[in-house]
Amino acid sequence: MSVTQHIIMIGATVMATMLTRFLPFIVFPSGRPTPGYVRYLGKYLPSAMFGLLVVYSLKDTNVFAGNHGLPEFIAVAAVAALHLWKRQMLLSIAGGTVCYMLLVQFIFK
């Protein structure tokens, strides 16, 4: 790519980033109440995304071969336990990932 193309790409990236940062403040100014559908999405979308992540993570698990999906299900249990204990999604996801990696690397080779 030429220097001009690099500059155009960086400019487009900056503009897209600025648009995603400033657009919510333009569309939903502080003087007006937040629309109901935005509150609904804010309430239910994180749980839906967490469920989607679980389904995506377990979609290729074969319970009829190898370890029978044991590392995956232990990691899911660790995620559930961490989430019930601390109620922090990032900690739950990171803890489950670390648990799964340790199980696959050292226990279920």
C-alpha atoms as a PDB file:
ATOM      1  CA  MET A   1       0.000   0.000   0.000  1.00  0.00           C
ATOM      2  CA  SER A   2       1.123   3.490  -0.710  1.00  0.00           C
ATOM      3  CA  VAL A   3       1.550   6.247   1.856  1.00  0.00           C
ATOM      4  CA  THR A   4      -1.662   7.890   0.647  1.00  0.00           C
ATOM      5  CA  GLN A   5      -3.608   4.665   1.151  1.00  0.00           C
ATOM      6  CA  HIS A   6      -2.173   4.301   4.646  1.00  0.00           C
ATOM      7  CA  ILE A   7      -3.211   7.857   5.524  1.00  0.00           C
ATOM      8  CA  ILE A   8      -6.719   7.292   4.141  1.00  0.00           C
ATOM      9  CA  MET A   9      -7.033   4.028   6.096  1.00  0.00           C
ATOM     10  CA  ILE A  10      -5.850   5.637   9.336  1.00  0.00           C
ATOM     11  CA  GLY A  11      -8.220   8.574   8.790  1.00  0.00           C
ATOM     12  CA  ALA A  12     -11.163   6.235   8.159  1.00  0.00           C
ATOM     13  CA  THR A  13     -10.305   4.279  11.312  1.00  0.00           C
ATOM     14  CA  VAL A  14     -10.120   7.473  13.370  1.00  0.00           C
ATOM     15  CA  MET A  15     -13.452   8.706  11.984  1.00  0.00           C
ATOM     16  CA  ALA A  16     -15.166   5.357  12.625  1.00  0.00           C
ATOM     17  CA  THR A  17     -13.833   5.283  16.188  1.00  0.00           C
ATOM     18  CA  MET A  18     -14.945   8.850  16.849  1.00  0.00           C
ATOM     19  CA  LEU A  19     -18.377   8.131  15.362  1.00  0.00           C
ATOM     20  CA  THR A  20     -18.934   5.129  17.626  1.00  0.00           C
ATOM     21  CA  ARG A  21     -17.772   7.130  20.675  1.00  0.00           C
ATOM     22  CA  PHE A  22     -19.792  10.310  20.050  1.00  0.00           C
ATOM     23  CA  LEU A  23     -22.945   8.985  18.344  1.00  0.00           C
ATOM     24  CA  PRO A  24     -24.676   7.771  21.545  1.00  0.00           C
ATOM     25  CA  PHE A  25     -24.285  11.230  23.094  1.00  0.00           C
ATOM     26  CA  ILE A  26     -25.740  12.859  19.980  1.00  0.00           C
ATOM     27  CA  VAL A  27     -28.646  10.422  19.575  1.00  0.00           C
ATOM     28  CA  PHE A  28     -29.476  10.251  23.302  1.00  0.00           C
ATOM     29  CA  PRO A  29     -28.822  13.679  24.856  1.00  0.00           C
ATOM     30  CA  SER A  30     -28.645  13.961  28.639  1.00  0.00           C
ATOM     31  CA  GLY A  31     -31.815  16.052  28.967  1.00  0.00           C
ATOM     32  CA  ARG A  32     -34.158  13.361  27.624  1.00  0.00           C
ATOM     33  CA  PRO A  33     -35.020   9.977  29.175  1.00  0.00           C
ATOM     34  CA  THR A  34     -33.467   6.859  27.662  1.00  0.00           C
ATOM     35  CA  PRO A  35     -35.897   5.058  25.316  1.00  0.00           C
ATOM     36  CA  GLY A  36     -37.452   1.838  26.562  1.00  0.00           C
ATOM     37  CA  TYR A  37     -35.904  -0.385  23.907  1.00  0.00           C
ATOM     38  CA  VAL A  38     -32.407   0.818  24.845  1.00  0.00           C
ATOM     39  CA  ARG A  39     -33.062   0.018  28.510  1.00  0.00           C
ATOM     40  CA  TYR A  40     -34.420  -3.388  27.443  1.00  0.00           C
ATOM     41  CA  LEU A  41     -31.287  -4.098  25.399  1.00  0.00           C
ATOM     42  CA  GLY A  42     -29.072  -2.949  28.257  1.00  0.00           C
ATOM     43  CA  LYS A  43     -30.841  -5.338  30.596  1.00  0.00           C
ATOM     44  CA  TYR A  44     -31.021  -8.496  28.456  1.00  0.00           C
ATOM     45  CA  LEU A  45     -28.258  -8.263  25.856  1.00  0.00           C
ATOM     46  CA  PRO A  46     -25.325  -9.106  28.185  1.00  0.00           C
ATOM     47  CA  SER A  47     -26.996 -12.358  29.257  1.00  0.00           C
ATOM     48  CA  ALA A  48     -27.840 -13.205  25.661  1.00  0.00           C
ATOM     49  CA  MET A  49     -24.250 -12.616  24.585  1.00  0.00           C
ATOM     50  CA  PHE A  50     -22.995 -14.782  27.454  1.00  0.00           C
ATOM     51  CA  GLY A  51     -25.342 -17.568  26.327  1.00  0.00           C
ATOM     52  CA  LEU A  52     -24.191 -17.157  22.731  1.00  0.00           C
ATOM     53  CA  LEU A  53     -20.576 -17.449  23.884  1.00  0.00           C
ATOM     54  CA  VAL A  54     -21.370 -20.677  25.741  1.00  0.00           C
ATOM     55  CA  VAL A  55     -23.137 -22.188  22.723  1.00  0.00           C
ATOM     56  CA  TYR A  56     -20.295 -21.157  20.401  1.00  0.00           C
ATOM     57  CA  SER A  57     -17.675 -22.571  22.766  1.00  0.00           C
ATOM     58  CA  LEU A  58     -19.411 -25.940  23.078  1.00  0.00           C
ATOM     59  CA  LYS A  59     -20.587 -26.385  19.485  1.00  0.00           C
ATOM     60  CA  ASP A  60     -17.711 -28.677  18.440  1.00  0.00           C
ATOM     61  CA  THR A  61     -17.570 -30.725  21.637  1.00  0.00           C
ATOM     62  CA  ASN A  62     -17.836 -34.434  20.888  1.00  0.00           C
ATOM     63  CA  VAL A  63     -19.137 -36.280  23.942  1.00  0.00           C
ATOM     64  CA  PHE A  64     -18.735 -39.662  22.233  1.00  0.00           C
ATOM     65  CA  ALA A  65     -14.967 -39.509  21.640  1.00  0.00           C
ATOM     66  CA  GLY A  66     -11.746 -38.662  23.444  1.00  0.00           C
ATOM     67  CA  ASN A  67     -12.286 -37.027  26.805  1.00  0.00           C
ATOM     68  CA  HIS A  68     -16.077 -37.027  26.311  1.00  0.00           C
ATOM     69  CA  GLY A  69     -16.209 -33.244  26.700  1.00  0.00           C
ATOM     70  CA  LEU A  70     -15.038 -33.409  30.303  1.00  0.00           C
ATOM     71  CA  PRO A  71     -12.617 -30.431  30.141  1.00  0.00           C
ATOM     72  CA  GLU A  72     -15.287 -28.282  28.516  1.00  0.00           C
ATOM     73  CA  PHE A  73     -17.926 -29.123  31.079  1.00  0.00           C
ATOM     74  CA  ILE A  74     -15.513 -28.621  33.987  1.00  0.00           C
ATOM     75  CA  ALA A  75     -14.639 -25.200  32.569  1.00  0.00           C
ATOM     76  CA  VAL A  76     -18.345 -24.354  32.183  1.00  0.00           C
ATOM     77  CA  ALA A  77     -18.880 -25.330  35.822  1.00  0.00           C
ATOM     78  CA  ALA A  78     -15.947 -23.104  36.814  1.00  0.00           C
ATOM     79  CA  VAL A  79     -17.469 -20.206  34.854  1.00  0.00           C
ATOM     80  CA  ALA A  80     -20.833 -20.726  36.545  1.00  0.00           C
ATOM     81  CA  ALA A  81     -19.267 -20.961  40.003  1.00  0.00           C
ATOM     82  CA  LEU A  82     -17.139 -17.848  39.470  1.00  0.00           C
ATOM     83  CA  HIS A  83     -20.101 -15.913  38.141  1.00  0.00           C
ATOM     84  CA  LEU A  84     -22.367 -16.928  41.024  1.00  0.00           C
ATOM     85  CA  TRP A  85     -19.613 -16.039  43.484  1.00  0.00           C
ATOM     86  CA  LYS A  86     -18.332 -12.691  42.133  1.00  0.00           C
ATOM     87  CA  ARG A  87     -20.970 -11.596  39.555  1.00  0.00           C
ATOM     88  CA  GLN A  88     -18.293 -10.208  37.221  1.00  0.00           C
ATOM     89  CA  MET A  89     -18.555 -11.377  33.637  1.00  0.00           C
ATOM     90  CA  LEU A  90     -14.935 -10.650  32.675  1.00  0.00           C
ATOM     91  CA  LEU A  91     -13.635 -12.607  35.661  1.00  0.00           C
ATOM     92  CA  SER A  92     -15.974 -15.492  34.850  1.00  0.00           C
ATOM     93  CA  ILE A  93     -14.897 -15.686  31.212  1.00  0.00           C
ATOM     94  CA  ALA A  94     -11.200 -15.321  32.018  1.00  0.00           C
ATOM     95  CA  GLY A  95     -11.380 -17.866  34.836  1.00  0.00           C
ATOM     96  CA  GLY A  96     -13.161 -20.398  32.649  1.00  0.00           C
ATOM     97  CA  THR A  97     -10.650 -19.884  29.859  1.00  0.00           C
ATOM     98  CA  VAL A  98      -7.692 -20.361  32.209  1.00  0.00           C
ATOM     99  CA  CYS A  99      -9.352 -23.429  33.744  1.00  0.00           C
ATOM    100  CA  TYR A 100      -9.955 -24.956  30.309  1.00  0.00           C
ATOM    101  CA  MET A 101      -6.418 -24.231  29.134  1.00  0.00           C
ATOM    102  CA  LEU A 102      -4.896 -25.782  32.249  1.00  0.00           C
ATOM    103  CA  LEU A 103      -7.106 -28.860  31.938  1.00  0.00           C
ATOM    104  CA  VAL A 104      -6.300 -29.376  28.259  1.00  0.00           C
ATOM    105  CA  GLN A 105      -2.556 -28.728  28.642  1.00  0.00           C
ATOM    106  CA  PHE A 106      -1.818 -30.641  31.833  1.00  0.00           C
ATOM    107  CA  ILE A 107      -4.654 -33.011  32.781  1.00  0.00           C
ATOM    108  CA  PHE A 108      -6.399 -34.209  29.597  1.00  0.00           C
ATOM    109  CA  LYS A 109      -3.487 -34.436  27.125  1.00  0.00           C
END
